[in-house]
PDB file of N, CA and C in Angstrom:
ATOM      1  N   MET A   1      -5.053   4.417 -29.161  1.00  0.00           N
ATOM      2  CA  MET A   1      -5.351   3.227 -27.861  1.00  0.00           C
ATOM      3  C   MET A   1      -4.006   3.071 -27.397  1.00  0.00           C
ATOM      4  N   LYS A   2      -3.050   3.713 -27.950  1.00  0.00           N
ATOM      5  CA  LYS A   2      -1.168   3.529 -27.178  1.00  0.00           C
ATOM      6  C   LYS A   2      -1.672   4.867 -26.222  1.00  0.00           C
ATOM      7  N   ASN A   3      -1.969   5.853 -26.304  1.00  0.00           N
ATOM      8  CA  ASN A   3      -2.034   6.645 -25.761  1.00  0.00           C
ATOM      9  C   ASN A   3      -2.930   5.980 -24.293  1.00  0.00           C
ATOM     10  N   LYS A   4      -4.072   5.699 -24.361  1.00  0.00           N
ATOM     11  CA  LYS A   4      -4.484   5.467 -23.307  1.00  0.00           C
ATOM     12  C   LYS A   4      -3.911   4.114 -22.305  1.00  0.00           C
ATOM     13  N   THR A   5      -3.156   3.529 -22.883  1.00  0.00           N
ATOM     14  CA  THR A   5      -1.987   2.380 -22.528  1.00  0.00           C
ATOM     15  C   THR A   5      -1.063   3.284 -21.600  1.00  0.00           C
ATOM     16  N   SER A   6      -0.126   4.178 -22.159  1.00  0.00           N
ATOM     17  CA  SER A   6       0.561   4.798 -21.741  1.00  0.00           C
ATOM     18  C   SER A   6      -0.110   5.643 -20.353  1.00  0.00           C
ATOM     19  N   GLY A   7      -0.896   6.636 -20.242  1.00  0.00           N
ATOM     20  CA  GLY A   7      -1.731   7.076 -19.225  1.00  0.00           C
ATOM     21  C   GLY A   7      -1.736   5.898 -18.326  1.00  0.00           C
ATOM     22  N   LEU A   8      -3.023   4.848 -18.460  1.00  0.00           N
ATOM     23  CA  LEU A   8      -2.935   4.337 -17.430  1.00  0.00           C
ATOM     24  C   LEU A   8      -1.600   3.754 -16.569  1.00  0.00           C
ATOM     25  N   ILE A   9      -0.421   3.426 -17.474  1.00  0.00           N
ATOM     26  CA  ILE A   9       0.493   3.149 -17.025  1.00  0.00           C
ATOM     27  C   ILE A   9       1.164   4.467 -16.300  1.00  0.00           C
ATOM     28  N   ALA A  10       1.313   5.702 -16.352  1.00  0.00           N
ATOM     29  CA  ALA A  10       1.828   6.441 -15.524  1.00  0.00           C
ATOM     30  C   ALA A  10       0.728   6.745 -14.641  1.00  0.00           C
ATOM     31  N   LEU A  11      -0.321   6.209 -14.590  1.00  0.00           N
ATOM     32  CA  LEU A  11      -1.287   6.363 -13.580  1.00  0.00           C
ATOM     33  C   LEU A  11      -0.864   5.693 -12.750  1.00  0.00           C
ATOM     34  N   GLY A  12      -0.663   4.557 -13.067  1.00  0.00           N
ATOM     35  CA  GLY A  12       0.022   3.147 -12.295  1.00  0.00           C
ATOM     36  C   GLY A  12       1.039   3.850 -11.291  1.00  0.00           C
ATOM     37  N   LEU A  13       2.283   4.199 -11.773  1.00  0.00           N
ATOM     38  CA  LEU A  13       3.540   4.357 -11.751  1.00  0.00           C
ATOM     39  C   LEU A  13       2.896   5.852 -10.709  1.00  0.00           C
ATOM     40  N   ALA A  14       2.797   6.663 -10.895  1.00  0.00           N
ATOM     41  CA  ALA A  14       2.392   8.392  -9.956  1.00  0.00           C
ATOM     42  C   ALA A  14       1.693   7.194  -8.468  1.00  0.00           C
ATOM     43  N   ALA A  15       0.439   6.002  -8.626  1.00  0.00           N
ATOM     44  CA  ALA A  15      -0.010   5.810  -7.535  1.00  0.00           C
ATOM     45  C   ALA A  15       0.966   5.007  -6.677  1.00  0.00           C
ATOM     46  N   PHE A  16       1.431   4.241  -7.417  1.00  0.00           N
ATOM     47  CA  PHE A  16       2.629   3.366  -6.724  1.00  0.00           C
ATOM     48  C   PHE A  16       4.039   4.660  -5.896  1.00  0.00           C
ATOM     49  N   ALA A  17       3.746   5.543  -6.429  1.00  0.00           N
ATOM     50  CA  ALA A  17       5.310   6.295  -5.910  1.00  0.00           C
ATOM     51  C   ALA A  17       4.454   7.164  -4.673  1.00  0.00           C
ATOM     52  N   TYR A  18       3.117   7.414  -5.316  1.00  0.00           N
ATOM     53  CA  TYR A  18       2.393   8.265  -3.966  1.00  0.00           C
ATOM     54  C   TYR A  18       2.238   6.701  -2.844  1.00  0.00           C
ATOM     55  N   TRP A  19       1.951   6.057  -2.902  1.00  0.00           N
ATOM     56  CA  TRP A  19       2.337   4.686  -2.190  1.00  0.00           C
ATOM     57  C   TRP A  19       3.139   4.595  -0.747  1.00  0.00           C
ATOM     58  N   LYS A  20       4.077   4.633  -2.143  1.00  0.00           N
ATOM     59  CA  LYS A  20       5.424   4.138  -1.258  1.00  0.00           C
ATOM     60  C   LYS A  20       6.387   5.198  -0.700  1.00  0.00           C
ATOM     61  N   TYR A  21       6.532   6.184  -1.282  1.00  0.00           N
ATOM     62  CA  TYR A  21       6.957   7.446  -0.301  1.00  0.00           C
ATOM     63  C   TYR A  21       5.899   8.194   0.364  1.00  0.00           C
ATOM     64  N   LYS A  22       4.752   9.029   0.472  1.00  0.00           N
ATOM     65  CA  LYS A  22       4.096  10.013   0.348  1.00  0.00           C
ATOM     66  C   LYS A  22       3.370   9.408   1.512  1.00  0.00           C
ATOM     67  N   MET A  23       2.555   8.171   1.623  1.00  0.00           N
ATOM     68  CA  MET A  23       1.477   7.373   2.835  1.00  0.00           C
ATOM     69  C   MET A  23       2.059   7.593   4.208  1.00  0.00           C
ATOM     70  N   THR A  24       1.789   7.961   4.846  1.00  0.00           N
ATOM     71  CA  THR A  24       1.846   7.391   6.375  1.00  0.00           C
ATOM     72  C   THR A  24       1.530   5.619   6.703  1.00  0.00           C
ATOM     73  N   PRO A  25       2.504   4.953   7.568  1.00  0.00           N
ATOM     74  CA  PRO A  25       2.052   3.687   7.655  1.00  0.00           C
ATOM     75  C   PRO A  25       0.275   3.257   7.938  1.00  0.00           C
ATOM     76  N   ASP A  26       0.001   4.186   8.892  1.00  0.00           N
ATOM     77  CA  ASP A  26      -1.763   4.169   8.994  1.00  0.00           C
ATOM     78  C   ASP A  26      -2.447   4.628   7.949  1.00  0.00           C
ATOM     79  N   GLN A  27      -1.812   5.950   7.071  1.00  0.00           N
ATOM     80  CA  GLN A  27      -2.832   5.744   5.970  1.00  0.00           C
ATOM     81  C   GLN A  27      -3.265   4.541   4.955  1.00  0.00           C
ATOM     82  N   LYS A  28      -1.797   4.234   5.207  1.00  0.00           N
ATOM     83  CA  LYS A  28      -1.798   2.829   4.184  1.00  0.00           C
ATOM     84  C   LYS A  28      -2.343   1.762   4.382  1.00  0.00           C
ATOM     85  N   GLN A  29      -2.570   1.607   5.664  1.00  0.00           N
ATOM     86  CA  GLN A  29      -3.459   0.301   6.170  1.00  0.00           C
ATOM     87  C   GLN A  29      -5.097   0.757   6.410  1.00  0.00           C
ATOM     88  N   ASN A  30      -5.723   2.140   5.988  1.00  0.00           N
ATOM     89  CA  ASN A  30      -6.383   2.324   5.898  1.00  0.00           C
ATOM     90  C   ASN A  30      -6.759   2.309   4.739  1.00  0.00           C
ATOM     91  N   LEU A  31      -6.278   2.138   3.639  1.00  0.00           N
ATOM     92  CA  LEU A  31      -6.708   2.163   2.705  1.00  0.00           C
ATOM     93  C   LEU A  31      -6.930   0.571   2.094  1.00  0.00           C
ATOM     94  N   LYS A  32      -5.793  -0.062   2.736  1.00  0.00           N
ATOM     95  CA  LYS A  32      -6.086  -1.305   2.404  1.00  0.00           C
ATOM     96  C   LYS A  32      -7.009  -2.204   3.123  1.00  0.00           C
ATOM     97  N   ASN A  33      -7.373  -1.336   4.221  1.00  0.00           N
ATOM     98  CA  ASN A  33      -8.971  -2.040   5.007  1.00  0.00           C
ATOM     99  C   ASN A  33      -9.830  -2.030   4.088  1.00  0.00           C
ATOM    100  N   LYS A  34     -10.476  -0.591   3.308  1.00  0.00           N
ATOM    101  CA  LYS A  34     -10.754  -0.146   2.588  1.00  0.00           C
ATOM    102  C   LYS A  34     -11.419  -0.951   1.191  1.00  0.00           C
ATOM    103  N   VAL A  35     -10.075  -1.671   0.770  1.00  0.00           N
ATOM    104  CA  VAL A  35      -9.804  -2.091  -0.396  1.00  0.00           C
ATOM    105  C   VAL A  35     -10.434  -3.608  -0.530  1.00  0.00           C
ATOM    106  N   THR A  36     -10.085  -3.952   0.787  1.00  0.00           N
ATOM    107  CA  THR A  36     -10.009  -5.572   1.296  1.00  0.00           C
ATOM    108  C   THR A  36     -12.364  -5.690   1.562  1.00  0.00           C
ATOM    109  N   ASP A  37     -12.338  -4.617   2.527  1.00  0.00           N
ATOM    110  CA  ASP A  37     -13.983  -5.064   2.457  1.00  0.00           C
ATOM    111  C   ASP A  37     -14.982  -4.064   1.381  1.00  0.00           C
ATOM    112  N   ALA A  38     -14.220  -3.737   0.459  1.00  0.00           N
ATOM    113  CA  ALA A  38     -14.649  -3.465  -0.961  1.00  0.00           C
ATOM    114  C   ALA A  38     -14.919  -4.860  -2.001  1.00  0.00           C
ATOM    115  N   GLY A  39     -13.822  -5.491  -1.543  1.00  0.00           N
ATOM    116  CA  GLY A  39     -13.687  -6.628  -2.325  1.00  0.00           C
ATOM    117  C   GLY A  39     -14.347  -7.908  -1.854  1.00  0.00           C
ATOM    118  N   LYS A  40     -14.878  -7.507  -0.228  1.00  0.00           N
ATOM    119  CA  LYS A  40     -15.506  -8.407   0.219  1.00  0.00           C
ATOM    120  C   LYS A  40     -17.088  -8.359  -0.007  1.00  0.00           C
ATOM    121  N   ASN A  41     -17.438  -6.943   0.166  1.00  0.00           N
ATOM    122  CA  ASN A  41     -18.889  -6.662  -0.140  1.00  0.00           C
ATOM    123  C   ASN A  41     -19.035  -7.195  -1.578  1.00  0.00           C
ATOM    124  N   LEU A  42     -18.251  -6.961  -3.030  1.00  0.00           N
ATOM    125  CA  LEU A  42     -18.377  -7.549  -3.983  1.00  0.00           C
ATOM    126  C   LEU A  42     -18.552  -8.921  -4.201  1.00  0.00           C
ATOM    127  N   TRP A  43     -17.943  -9.539  -3.430  1.00  0.00           N
ATOM    128  CA  TRP A  43     -17.864 -10.761  -3.392  1.00  0.00           C
ATOM    129  C   TRP A  43     -19.263 -11.703  -3.252  1.00  0.00           C
ATOM    130  N   ASP A  44     -19.340 -10.832  -1.888  1.00  0.00           N
ATOM    131  CA  ASP A  44     -20.913 -10.972  -1.216  1.00  0.00           C
ATOM    132  C   ASP A  44     -21.854 -11.356  -2.476  1.00  0.00           C
ATOM    133  N   LYS A  45     -22.257 -10.446  -3.508  1.00  0.00           N
ATOM    134  CA  LYS A  45     -23.331  -9.933  -4.302  1.00  0.00           C
ATOM    135  C   LYS A  45     -22.910 -10.579  -5.460  1.00  0.00           C
ATOM    136  N   VAL A  46     -21.958 -11.694  -5.369  1.00  0.00           N
ATOM    137  CA  VAL A  46     -21.981 -12.872  -6.990  1.00  0.00           C
ATOM    138  C   VAL A  46     -23.055 -13.858  -6.316  1.00  0.00           C
ATOM    139  N   PRO A  47     -23.795 -14.245  -7.555  1.00  0.00           N
ATOM    140  CA  PRO A  47     -24.292 -15.479  -7.268  1.00  0.00           C
ATOM    141  C   PRO A  47     -23.711 -16.489  -7.059  1.00  0.00           C
ATOM    142  N   GLN A  48     -24.421 -17.179  -6.170  1.00  0.00           N
ATOM    143  CA  GLN A  48     -23.790 -18.848  -5.657  1.00  0.00           C
ATOM    144  C   GLN A  48     -23.094 -19.770  -6.671  1.00  0.00           C
ATOM    145  N   GLY A  49     -23.617 -19.495  -7.928  1.00  0.00           N
ATOM    146  CA  GLY A  49     -23.587 -20.506  -9.286  1.00  0.00           C
ATOM    147  C   GLY A  49     -22.074 -19.775  -9.316  1.00  0.00           C
ATOM    148  N   VAL A  50     -22.415 -18.740  -9.601  1.00  0.00           N
ATOM    149  CA  VAL A  50     -20.744 -18.364 -10.400  1.00  0.00           C
ATOM    150  C   VAL A  50     -19.381 -18.408  -8.978  1.00  0.00           C
ATOM    151  N   LYS A  51     -19.783 -18.362  -7.794  1.00  0.00           N
ATOM    152  CA  LYS A  51     -18.925 -18.726  -6.827  1.00  0.00           C
ATOM    153  C   LYS A  51     -18.081 -20.459  -7.127  1.00  0.00           C
ATOM    154  N   GLU A  52     -19.431 -20.726  -7.157  1.00  0.00           N
ATOM    155  CA  GLU A  52     -18.886 -22.538  -7.155  1.00  0.00           C
ATOM    156  C   GLU A  52     -17.996 -22.403  -8.470  1.00  0.00           C
ATOM    157  N   ALA A  53     -18.330 -21.410  -9.610  1.00  0.00           N
ATOM    158  CA  ALA A  53     -17.666 -22.086 -10.766  1.00  0.00           C
ATOM    159  C   ALA A  53     -16.329 -21.551 -10.438  1.00  0.00           C
ATOM    160  N   VAL A  54     -15.938 -20.370  -9.927  1.00  0.00           N
ATOM    161  CA  VAL A  54     -15.024 -19.943 -10.050  1.00  0.00           C
ATOM    162  C   VAL A  54     -13.559 -20.281  -9.115  1.00  0.00           C
ATOM    163  N   SER A  55     -14.685 -20.678  -7.683  1.00  0.00           N
ATOM    164  CA  SER A  55     -13.796 -21.391  -6.235  1.00  0.00           C
ATOM    165  C   SER A  55     -13.235 -22.967  -6.789  1.00  0.00           C
ATOM    166  N   PRO A  56     -12.164 -23.467  -6.235  1.00  0.00           N
ATOM    167  CA  PRO A  56     -11.318 -24.425  -6.929  1.00  0.00           C
ATOM    168  C   PRO A  56     -12.052 -25.611  -6.301  1.00  0.00           C
ATOM    169  N   GLN A  57     -12.495 -26.263  -6.737  1.00  0.00           N
ATOM    170  CA  GLN A  57     -12.843 -27.689  -6.401  1.00  0.00           C
ATOM    171  C   GLN A  57     -12.145 -28.386  -5.469  1.00  0.00           C
ATOM    172  N   LYS A  58     -12.834 -28.880  -4.598  1.00  0.00           N
ATOM    173  CA  LYS A  58     -12.055 -29.795  -3.438  1.00  0.00           C
ATOM    174  C   LYS A  58     -12.635 -31.393  -3.729  1.00  0.00           C
ATOM    175  N   THR A  59     -11.598 -32.268  -3.730  1.00  0.00           N
ATOM    176  CA  THR A  59     -11.680 -33.378  -4.243  1.00  0.00           C
ATOM    177  C   THR A  59     -11.354 -34.722  -2.916  1.00  0.00           C
ATOM    178  N   GLN A  60     -11.837 -35.316  -2.657  1.00  0.00           N
ATOM    179  CA  GLN A  60     -11.077 -36.200  -1.715  1.00  0.00           C
ATOM    180  C   GLN A  60     -11.321 -37.508  -2.635  1.00  0.00           C
ATOM    181  N   ASN A  61      -9.507 -37.929  -2.476  1.00  0.00           N
ATOM    182  CA  ASN A  61      -8.803 -39.033  -2.679  1.00  0.00           C
ATOM    183  C   ASN A  61      -8.783 -39.994  -1.954  1.00  0.00           C
ATOM    184  N   SER A  62      -9.734 -41.040  -2.507  1.00  0.00           N
ATOM    185  CA  SER A  62      -9.523 -42.534  -1.315  1.00  0.00           C
ATOM    186  C   SER A  62      -8.420 -43.336  -2.076  1.00  0.00           C
ATOM    187  N   ILE A  63      -7.870 -43.895  -0.425  1.00  0.00           N
ATOM    188  CA  ILE A  63      -6.613 -44.358  -0.222  1.00  0.00           C
ATOM    189  C   ILE A  63      -6.904 -45.844  -0.506  1.00  0.00           C
TER     190      ILE A  63
END
């Protein structure tokens, strides 16, 4: 288990270093857009009941 954790940490650090030092601003924006679109597509596939349970409840306070 420790090897998996160490490997994931090393992979994360390598990905961060690549993002920070090797990617151009255009490449960073393209990657960010892809991840955002993938997240939106995933959220669209979540059932409505789960969305309601996860989203913060909006309550009205009567004064």
